[in-house]
Amino acid sequence: MDNTPDHVSSFRQTSPYIKAYRNKTFVIMLPGAAIGHSNFANIIHDIALLNHLGVRIVLVHGARAQIEAQLTTQSIQTDIHQGKRVTDAAALGCFINAVGATRFAIESALSTGLPNSPMHNADIQVRSGNIVTAMPCGVVDGVDLQYTGKVRKIDAYGLDEMLFNGSIALISPIGYSVTGETFNLTYTEVATEIAVALEADKLIAFTKNNGVLDDDGVLQRQLTLLQCEKLLLRKDTTDSHFSLKACYSACDRGVNRAQLISYTNDGALIKELFTRDGFGTMLHRDSYELIRRARIDDVGGILNLIEPLEQEGILVKRSRERLEQEIEHFTVMEIDGTIIGCAALYPFIHEDSAELACVATHPEYRKNGRAAKLLAHIEKQASKLKMRQLFILTTQTEHWFQEQGFIPSSLEILPQERLKLYNYQRNSKIFVKEI
């Protein structure tokens, strides 16, 4: 019986991610609404934790809620056009005050170090500066946006200097033109341009909703760029929509991963980054779930998969030495660098037949079609080798193989070379599938 406490097991599972994230660059988008939320302190604690783990963090904040509060106080009305505020001279003053106050609130939160708190002795250095050069949006559809601007250039070198020696770069949605004017920028655009300029490893967007929901209200754990394009066709003017649009733009221009999580949920950032399935929605430009040929350094991961099944008698025991010798026969499925499935193909060329063996999937990923996906990949391999049939020997999983098109057979169909190795004491059942 495993008596390991849950928090110990969870901490051990974070080890691959801690190693993978060290010295990586994350751009984090934090909307103004998040800064006024009761969960804000927890978000700061989690960002501090990433900083302590060696992640290079650029934190880009919004201030729409704070700007609207300032405008209401000053009885100033403004229009929103295509998601951007029309910023006249009076509104610009409110914008500058709101952005300044919001940035100071974040700096203050990152600077705390009280005893008996997650920030005790944190000693985080926060840096900022005029790294965003802006230009006016001009007249859009007949509407003059005035002091509302767009990003012209990002000083990537200056940002790298800010991140030196473990500092957090805190960037506000404000830009300055070469003519000395100040412009109101959308924080989503600023974050996107920074992520692209730095060739960031991740763009992380905090939104009110936990990730992206489809038309039926179901959370989408993963999205390809094509799937994201379809979702962006929906008429939506919420912050979540603009955040998804920013994530799509970043990935389309070279950022490998972008993630959307809720700022209302305590620990969402940690659960998204340090668990295999994540917590919100991940948008990816590369293959998040990968099926590939096994390599010698996969032996440890394969052993972790098959040892529990060997103990139950489902699989025949294989030693590390045997796996190393036969690794070229194995195919693995991995998620974020973690092996969650494997299978082996042993061809008998002269018999036009191949054995499928050692099929295993991680317990957390069963009953979701991944084993069938892995099997389909193996069948393609066998077909390329001009094999006419696959056969398997099993003691406890016959129903699953029958569901995949295998039919019961007998010892007579086994190649002579394989028949000599048949274990009569184990008394495995034989199934075959034509390919």
Protein backbone atom coordinates (compact mmCIF):
# COMPACT_ATOMS: atom_id res chain seq x y z
CA MET A 1 0.00 0.00 0.00
CA ASP A 2 1.30 3.45 -0.92
CA ASN A 3 1.32 5.64 2.18
CA THR A 4 3.01 8.60 0.50
CA PRO A 5 1.13 11.84 1.32
CA ASP A 6 -0.60 13.49 -1.64
CA HIS A 7 1.45 16.67 -1.38
CA VAL A 8 4.69 14.65 -1.50
CA SER A 9 3.60 12.78 -4.63
CA SER A 10 2.43 16.01 -6.25
CA PHE A 11 5.72 17.72 -5.49
CA ARG A 12 7.70 14.86 -6.98
CA GLN A 13 5.65 15.05 -10.17
CA THR A 14 6.65 18.69 -10.62
CA SER A 15 10.34 17.81 -10.93
CA PRO A 16 10.41 17.50 -14.76
CA TYR A 17 8.64 20.85 -15.11
CA ILE A 18 10.94 22.63 -12.66
CA LYS A 19 13.91 21.49 -14.70
CA ALA A 20 12.26 22.29 -18.03
CA TYR A 21 11.19 25.83 -17.03
CA ARG A 22 14.51 27.00 -15.57
CA ASN A 23 15.87 29.98 -17.53
CA LYS A 24 12.85 29.93 -19.84
CA THR A 25 11.01 33.17 -20.67
CA PHE A 26 7.33 33.50 -19.78
CA VAL A 27 5.25 36.55 -20.69
CA ILE A 28 2.27 36.86 -18.35
CA MET A 29 -0.81 38.96 -19.17
CA LEU A 30 -2.65 40.25 -16.09
CA PRO A 31 -5.84 42.26 -16.72
CA GLY A 32 -6.79 45.17 -14.51
CA ALA A 33 -9.81 43.26 -13.21
CA ALA A 34 -7.47 40.62 -11.75
CA ILE A 35 -5.59 43.24 -9.73
CA GLY A 36 -8.76 44.25 -7.94
CA HIS A 37 -9.87 40.66 -7.33
CA SER A 38 -9.61 38.90 -3.96
CA ASN A 39 -7.35 36.26 -5.54
CA PHE A 40 -4.73 38.83 -6.59
CA ALA A 41 -2.42 38.13 -3.63
CA ASN A 42 -2.38 34.42 -4.49
CA ILE A 43 -1.46 35.20 -8.09
CA ILE A 44 1.45 37.31 -6.87
CA HIS A 45 2.60 34.45 -4.62
CA ASP A 46 2.57 32.05 -7.59
CA ILE A 47 4.46 34.49 -9.82
CA ALA A 48 7.04 34.87 -7.06
CA LEU A 49 7.38 31.08 -6.92
CA LEU A 50 8.09 30.94 -10.66
CA ASN A 51 10.69 33.64 -10.21
CA HIS A 52 12.40 31.65 -7.43
CA LEU A 53 12.45 28.58 -9.71
CA GLY A 54 14.50 30.47 -12.26
CA VAL A 55 11.80 31.45 -14.77
CA ARG A 56 12.41 34.73 -16.61
CA ILE A 57 9.16 36.65 -16.18
CA VAL A 58 7.78 39.60 -18.09
CA LEU A 59 4.55 40.72 -16.45
CA VAL A 60 2.33 42.88 -18.66
CA HIS A 61 -0.64 44.37 -16.86
CA GLY A 62 -3.88 45.88 -18.05
CA ALA A 63 -5.87 48.65 -16.40
CA ARG A 64 -9.26 48.83 -18.10
CA ALA A 65 -11.24 48.49 -14.86
CA GLN A 66 -9.09 51.17 -13.19
CA ILE A 67 -9.36 53.50 -16.19
CA GLU A 68 -13.14 53.18 -16.24
CA ALA A 69 -13.24 53.99 -12.51
CA GLN A 70 -11.15 57.12 -13.13
CA LEU A 71 -13.34 58.19 -16.03
CA THR A 72 -16.48 57.73 -13.94
CA THR A 73 -15.01 59.79 -11.12
CA GLN A 74 -14.16 62.58 -13.57
CA SER A 75 -17.55 62.26 -15.36
CA ILE A 76 -15.76 61.69 -18.66
CA GLN A 77 -17.44 59.58 -21.32
CA THR A 78 -15.50 57.74 -24.01
CA ASP A 79 -16.40 55.40 -26.84
CA ILE A 80 -15.05 51.91 -27.51
CA HIS A 81 -14.38 51.16 -31.17
CA GLN A 82 -13.40 47.63 -32.23
CA GLY A 83 -12.27 46.86 -28.71
CA LYS A 84 -10.17 50.01 -28.35
CA ARG A 85 -11.00 53.11 -26.35
CA VAL A 86 -11.15 56.45 -28.10
CA THR A 87 -8.67 58.42 -25.99
CA ASP A 88 -8.93 62.19 -26.13
CA ALA A 89 -6.78 64.59 -24.09
CA ALA A 90 -9.06 64.45 -21.02
CA ALA A 91 -9.28 60.66 -21.09
CA LEU A 92 -5.49 60.43 -21.53
CA GLY A 93 -4.99 62.05 -18.13
CA CYS A 94 -7.26 59.46 -16.50
CA PHE A 95 -5.45 56.73 -18.37
CA ILE A 96 -2.02 57.83 -17.14
CA ASN A 97 -3.22 58.09 -13.54
CA ALA A 98 -4.96 54.71 -13.61
CA VAL A 99 -2.03 52.90 -15.24
CA GLY A 100 0.43 54.48 -12.80
CA ALA A 101 -1.63 53.53 -9.76
CA THR A 102 -2.09 49.97 -11.06
CA ARG A 103 1.62 49.51 -11.69
CA PHE A 104 2.44 50.80 -8.21
CA ALA A 105 -0.04 48.33 -6.69
CA ILE A 106 1.68 45.43 -8.48
CA GLU A 107 5.16 46.63 -7.53
CA SER A 108 4.04 46.93 -3.92
CA ALA A 109 2.60 43.40 -3.91
CA LEU A 110 5.80 41.96 -5.40
CA SER A 111 7.91 43.82 -2.84
CA THR A 112 6.29 42.44 0.31
CA GLY A 113 8.22 40.07 2.52
CA LEU A 114 6.31 39.65 5.75
CA PRO A 115 7.13 36.72 8.04
CA ASN A 116 4.68 33.79 8.01
CA SER A 117 3.62 34.59 4.45
CA PRO A 118 4.48 33.06 1.06
CA MET A 119 6.45 36.23 0.26
CA HIS A 120 8.72 35.99 3.34
CA ASN A 121 12.25 36.98 2.33
CA ALA A 122 11.23 36.94 -1.34
CA ASP A 123 13.43 39.95 -2.14
CA ILE A 124 12.12 40.21 -5.72
CA GLN A 125 13.58 42.90 -7.93
CA VAL A 126 11.04 44.59 -10.23
CA ARG A 127 12.22 46.62 -13.19
CA SER A 128 10.40 48.71 -15.74
CA GLY A 129 11.12 51.28 -18.43
CA ASN A 130 10.20 52.74 -21.81
CA ILE A 131 10.79 49.63 -23.88
CA VAL A 132 7.64 50.13 -26.02
CA THR A 133 7.74 52.58 -28.90
CA ALA A 134 4.22 53.47 -30.02
CA MET A 135 2.46 55.15 -32.91
CA PRO A 136 -1.11 56.42 -33.26
CA CYS A 137 -3.82 54.10 -34.51
CA GLY A 138 -5.14 57.06 -36.47
CA VAL A 139 -8.58 57.09 -38.05
CA VAL A 140 -10.27 53.66 -38.17
CA ASP A 141 -13.57 53.32 -40.05
CA GLY A 142 -13.98 57.08 -39.88
CA VAL A 143 -13.33 57.21 -36.11
CA ASP A 144 -10.27 59.15 -34.90
CA LEU A 145 -8.83 57.16 -31.97
CA GLN A 146 -6.62 60.15 -31.05
CA TYR A 147 -4.23 59.11 -28.24
CA THR A 148 -5.00 55.43 -28.61
CA GLY A 149 -1.97 53.83 -30.19
CA LYS A 150 -0.40 50.60 -31.33
CA VAL A 151 3.00 49.07 -30.83
CA ARG A 152 5.66 50.17 -33.30
CA LYS A 153 8.73 48.54 -31.77
CA ILE A 154 9.82 46.55 -28.72
CA ASP A 155 13.27 47.09 -27.23
CA ALA A 156 14.12 43.40 -26.80
CA TYR A 157 17.68 44.18 -25.74
CA GLY A 158 16.43 46.51 -22.99
CA LEU A 159 14.01 43.82 -21.81
CA ASP A 160 16.82 41.27 -21.63
CA GLU A 161 18.77 43.67 -19.42
CA MET A 162 15.74 44.02 -17.11
CA LEU A 163 15.50 40.25 -16.78
CA PHE A 164 19.17 39.94 -15.92
CA ASN A 165 19.97 38.49 -12.50
CA GLY A 166 16.45 37.22 -11.82
CA SER A 167 14.49 40.47 -11.94
CA ILE A 168 10.84 40.59 -13.03
CA ALA A 169 10.12 43.01 -15.87
CA LEU A 170 6.85 44.86 -15.20
CA ILE A 171 5.44 46.50 -18.34
CA SER A 172 2.44 48.83 -18.49
CA PRO A 173 0.11 49.29 -21.48
CA ILE A 174 1.63 52.61 -22.35
CA GLY A 175 3.92 53.68 -25.17
CA TYR A 176 5.84 56.73 -26.24
CA SER A 177 6.29 57.95 -29.81
CA VAL A 178 9.44 59.36 -31.37
CA THR A 179 7.69 62.74 -31.25
CA GLY A 180 7.38 62.53 -27.45
CA GLU A 181 3.65 61.75 -27.28
CA THR A 182 2.10 59.25 -24.85
CA PHE A 183 -0.31 56.62 -26.14
CA ASN A 184 -2.88 54.33 -24.61
CA LEU A 185 -2.13 50.75 -25.72
CA THR A 186 -4.00 47.49 -25.25
CA TYR A 187 -2.10 45.26 -22.85
CA THR A 188 -2.89 42.20 -24.99
CA GLU A 189 -1.07 43.73 -27.96
CA VAL A 190 1.87 44.77 -25.80
CA ALA A 191 2.17 41.27 -24.36
CA THR A 192 1.94 39.66 -27.80
CA GLU A 193 4.63 41.88 -29.31
CA ILE A 194 6.93 41.32 -26.34
CA ALA A 195 6.47 37.54 -26.51
CA VAL A 196 7.32 37.55 -30.22
CA ALA A 197 10.27 39.94 -29.84
CA LEU A 198 11.80 37.89 -27.01
CA GLU A 199 10.98 34.56 -28.70
CA ALA A 200 9.33 33.66 -25.41
CA ASP A 201 8.70 30.07 -24.44
CA LYS A 202 5.18 30.80 -23.21
CA LEU A 203 2.52 33.49 -23.26
CA ILE A 204 0.19 33.09 -20.28
CA ALA A 205 -3.10 35.00 -20.23
CA PHE A 206 -5.18 35.45 -17.09
CA THR A 207 -8.87 35.83 -17.92
CA LYS A 208 -12.10 35.76 -15.94
CA ASN A 209 -13.13 32.41 -17.39
CA ASN A 210 -11.02 29.32 -16.86
CA GLY A 211 -9.72 28.87 -20.38
CA VAL A 212 -11.77 28.66 -23.56
CA LEU A 213 -15.26 27.17 -23.71
CA ASP A 214 -16.87 25.78 -26.85
CA ASP A 215 -20.45 26.54 -27.93
CA ASP A 216 -21.72 23.89 -25.49
CA GLY A 217 -19.84 25.41 -22.56
CA VAL A 218 -17.22 22.63 -22.44
CA LEU A 219 -13.67 23.60 -21.50
CA GLN A 220 -11.19 23.06 -24.34
CA ARG A 221 -7.99 21.73 -22.77
CA GLN A 222 -5.95 22.01 -25.95
CA LEU A 223 -6.33 23.99 -29.15
CA THR A 224 -4.40 23.88 -32.38
CA LEU A 225 -4.05 27.09 -34.39
CA LEU A 226 -6.73 25.84 -36.80
CA GLN A 227 -9.18 25.12 -33.98
CA CYS A 228 -8.45 28.53 -32.51
CA GLU A 229 -9.17 30.24 -35.83
CA LYS A 230 -12.66 28.74 -35.84
CA LEU A 231 -13.34 29.96 -32.30
CA LEU A 232 -12.16 33.45 -33.14
CA LEU A 233 -14.84 33.69 -35.85
CA ARG A 234 -17.44 34.00 -33.10
CA LYS A 235 -18.73 37.51 -32.46
CA ASP A 236 -17.36 38.21 -29.02
CA THR A 237 -16.15 41.43 -27.40
CA THR A 238 -15.14 40.03 -24.00
CA ASP A 239 -11.63 40.29 -22.58
CA SER A 240 -11.32 36.51 -22.89
CA HIS A 241 -11.86 36.76 -26.63
CA PHE A 242 -9.17 39.41 -27.04
CA SER A 243 -6.82 37.35 -24.85
CA LEU A 244 -7.41 34.30 -27.06
CA LYS A 245 -6.74 36.45 -30.11
CA ALA A 246 -3.44 37.57 -28.55
CA CYS A 247 -2.46 33.98 -27.80
CA TYR A 248 -3.28 32.95 -31.36
CA SER A 249 -1.22 35.80 -32.80
CA ALA A 250 1.77 34.96 -30.59
CA CYS A 251 1.73 31.26 -31.52
CA ASP A 252 1.19 32.03 -35.19
CA ARG A 253 4.32 34.20 -35.09
CA GLY A 254 6.64 31.77 -33.37
CA VAL A 255 5.77 31.33 -29.69
CA ASN A 256 5.40 27.59 -29.07
CA ARG A 257 2.75 27.61 -26.34
CA ALA A 258 0.13 29.99 -24.98
CA GLN A 259 -2.16 29.29 -22.06
CA LEU A 260 -5.37 30.84 -20.76
CA ILE A 261 -6.30 30.47 -17.10
CA SER A 262 -8.69 32.08 -14.64
CA TYR A 263 -7.58 34.85 -12.30
CA THR A 264 -10.48 33.95 -9.99
CA ASN A 265 -9.20 30.45 -9.19
CA ASP A 266 -6.56 30.07 -6.50
CA GLY A 267 -3.53 28.21 -7.80
CA ALA A 268 -4.61 28.19 -11.46
CA LEU A 269 -1.12 29.18 -12.62
CA ILE A 270 0.58 26.39 -10.67
CA LYS A 271 -1.98 23.77 -11.71
CA GLU A 272 -1.65 24.77 -15.36
CA LEU A 273 2.15 24.71 -15.44
CA PHE A 274 3.02 21.83 -13.13
CA THR A 275 0.48 19.12 -13.98
CA ARG A 276 0.35 17.01 -17.15
CA ASP A 277 -3.24 17.83 -18.04
CA GLY A 278 -3.09 21.45 -16.98
CA PHE A 279 -6.02 23.46 -15.70
CA GLY A 280 -7.11 25.92 -18.37
CA THR A 281 -6.64 25.97 -22.14
CA MET A 282 -3.35 25.53 -23.95
CA LEU A 283 -2.87 26.76 -27.49
CA HIS A 284 0.04 25.15 -29.28
CA ARG A 285 1.70 25.50 -32.65
CA ASP A 286 3.73 22.29 -32.35
CA SER A 287 2.59 18.76 -31.51
CA TYR A 288 1.65 18.71 -27.84
CA GLU A 289 0.80 15.01 -27.94
CA LEU A 290 3.51 13.21 -29.87
CA ILE A 291 3.89 9.63 -31.10
CA ARG A 292 7.45 8.77 -32.11
CA ARG A 293 10.07 6.06 -32.22
CA ALA A 294 11.59 5.30 -28.84
CA ARG A 295 15.14 6.33 -27.97
CA ILE A 296 17.58 4.82 -25.48
CA ASP A 297 16.87 7.59 -22.97
CA ASP A 298 13.17 6.57 -22.98
CA VAL A 299 13.93 3.27 -21.23
CA GLY A 300 13.28 4.72 -17.77
CA GLY A 301 9.92 6.12 -18.82
CA ILE A 302 8.88 2.84 -20.44
CA LEU A 303 9.85 0.91 -17.32
CA ASN A 304 7.68 3.22 -15.21
CA LEU A 305 4.73 2.37 -17.47
CA ILE A 306 5.11 -1.38 -17.69
CA GLU A 307 6.34 -2.36 -14.22
CA PRO A 308 2.88 -2.06 -12.55
CA LEU A 309 1.39 -4.18 -15.38
CA GLU A 310 4.16 -6.74 -15.00
CA GLN A 311 3.40 -7.02 -11.29
CA GLU A 312 -0.26 -7.71 -12.13
CA GLY A 313 0.76 -10.39 -14.63
CA ILE A 314 -0.70 -8.49 -17.58
CA LEU A 315 2.70 -8.07 -19.25
CA VAL A 316 5.74 -10.33 -19.36
CA LYS A 317 8.56 -8.94 -17.27
CA ARG A 318 11.28 -7.12 -19.20
CA SER A 319 14.59 -6.09 -17.66
CA ARG A 320 16.23 -2.75 -18.33
CA GLU A 321 18.95 -4.56 -20.24
CA ARG A 322 16.42 -6.25 -22.51
CA LEU A 323 14.60 -2.98 -23.13
CA GLU A 324 17.85 -1.27 -24.05
CA GLN A 325 18.63 -4.08 -26.53
CA GLU A 326 15.15 -3.96 -28.09
CA ILE A 327 14.48 -0.23 -27.92
CA GLU A 328 14.41 0.10 -31.72
CA HIS A 329 11.21 -1.98 -31.73
CA PHE A 330 9.36 0.45 -29.42
CA THR A 331 7.12 3.39 -30.17
CA VAL A 332 6.14 5.85 -27.44
CA MET A 333 3.46 8.47 -26.92
CA GLU A 334 4.51 11.51 -24.91
CA ILE A 335 2.82 14.61 -23.55
CA ASP A 336 5.02 17.56 -22.66
CA GLY A 337 8.07 15.29 -22.54
CA THR A 338 6.42 12.67 -20.30
CA ILE A 339 5.92 9.18 -21.75
CA ILE A 340 2.29 8.12 -21.26
CA GLY A 341 2.09 5.18 -23.66
CA CYS A 342 4.24 2.59 -25.41
CA ALA A 343 4.00 -0.38 -27.76
CA ALA A 344 6.49 -2.66 -29.50
CA LEU A 345 6.48 -4.15 -32.99
CA TYR A 346 8.51 -7.29 -33.74
CA PRO A 347 8.39 -8.11 -37.47
CA PHE A 348 8.97 -11.59 -38.86
CA ILE A 349 9.92 -10.61 -42.38
CA HIS A 350 9.89 -14.06 -43.96
CA GLU A 351 6.41 -14.75 -42.58
CA ASP A 352 4.89 -11.37 -43.58
CA SER A 353 3.72 -11.23 -39.98
CA ALA A 354 4.51 -9.03 -36.97
CA GLU A 355 3.94 -9.30 -33.25
CA LEU A 356 2.40 -6.41 -31.32
CA ALA A 357 3.67 -6.48 -27.75
CA CYS A 358 4.07 -4.48 -24.56
CA VAL A 359 1.08 -2.18 -25.16
CA ALA A 360 0.73 0.07 -22.12
CA THR A 361 -0.74 3.44 -21.24
CA HIS A 362 -0.48 5.53 -18.10
CA PRO A 363 -3.48 4.98 -15.75
CA GLU A 364 -4.46 8.66 -15.97
CA TYR A 365 -4.74 8.46 -19.78
CA ARG A 366 -6.75 5.28 -20.24
CA LYS A 367 -10.31 5.20 -21.60
CA ASN A 368 -9.77 8.22 -23.82
CA GLY A 369 -8.70 6.57 -27.06
CA ARG A 370 -4.96 7.07 -26.77
CA ALA A 371 -4.15 3.34 -26.80
CA ALA A 372 -6.20 2.96 -29.99
CA LYS A 373 -4.35 5.93 -31.49
CA LEU A 374 -1.03 4.29 -30.63
CA LEU A 375 -2.23 1.00 -32.15
CA ALA A 376 -3.18 2.77 -35.39
CA HIS A 377 0.33 4.20 -35.55
CA ILE A 378 1.85 0.72 -35.08
CA GLU A 379 -0.40 -0.70 -37.80
CA LYS A 380 0.94 1.92 -40.22
CA GLN A 381 4.47 0.88 -39.33
CA ALA A 382 3.64 -2.77 -40.01
CA SER A 383 1.98 -1.86 -43.30
CA LYS A 384 5.09 0.01 -44.45
CA LEU A 385 7.11 -3.13 -43.68
CA LYS A 386 4.75 -5.08 -46.00
CA MET A 387 3.36 -7.14 -43.12
CA ARG A 388 0.02 -8.79 -43.93
CA GLN A 389 -1.05 -9.41 -40.33
CA LEU A 390 -0.47 -8.45 -36.70
CA PHE A 391 -0.73 -10.94 -33.88
CA ILE A 392 -0.72 -10.49 -30.13
CA LEU A 393 -0.41 -12.76 -27.10
CA THR A 394 -2.48 -11.70 -24.13
CA THR A 395 -3.77 -13.09 -20.84
CA GLN A 396 -6.08 -10.35 -19.53
CA THR A 397 -6.85 -7.80 -22.25
CA GLU A 398 -8.50 -9.89 -24.94
CA HIS A 399 -11.71 -7.83 -25.00
CA TRP A 400 -9.88 -4.60 -25.77
CA PHE A 401 -8.01 -6.18 -28.66
CA GLN A 402 -11.22 -7.66 -30.03
CA GLU A 403 -12.72 -4.18 -29.94
CA GLN A 404 -9.79 -3.06 -32.10
CA GLY A 405 -10.50 -5.68 -34.78
CA PHE A 406 -8.38 -8.62 -33.59
CA ILE A 407 -9.94 -12.07 -33.80
CA PRO A 408 -9.14 -15.23 -31.77
CA SER A 409 -6.60 -17.58 -33.32
CA SER A 410 -4.31 -20.44 -32.36
CA LEU A 411 -0.66 -21.41 -32.03
CA GLU A 412 -0.55 -22.49 -35.67
CA ILE A 413 -0.51 -18.89 -36.93
CA LEU A 414 2.65 -18.04 -35.00
CA PRO A 415 5.91 -17.86 -36.98
CA GLN A 416 8.16 -20.81 -36.16
CA GLU A 417 10.73 -18.53 -34.57
CA ARG A 418 8.08 -17.11 -32.22
CA LEU A 419 6.45 -20.49 -31.57
CA LYS A 420 9.69 -21.77 -30.07
CA LEU A 421 9.50 -19.01 -27.42
CA TYR A 422 5.86 -19.59 -26.47
CA ASN A 423 5.42 -19.93 -22.70
CA TYR A 424 2.95 -22.79 -22.17
CA GLN A 425 2.83 -22.12 -18.43
CA ARG A 426 1.63 -18.56 -19.05
CA ASN A 427 -0.93 -19.95 -21.52
CA SER A 428 -1.46 -16.66 -23.40
CA LYS A 429 -4.37 -16.38 -25.83
CA ILE A 430 -3.57 -15.50 -29.41
CA PHE A 431 -5.37 -12.91 -31.53
CA VAL A 432 -4.68 -11.81 -35.07
CA LYS A 433 -5.64 -8.89 -37.30
CA GLU A 434 -5.23 -8.59 -41.06
CA ILE A 435 -3.70 -5.28 -42.17
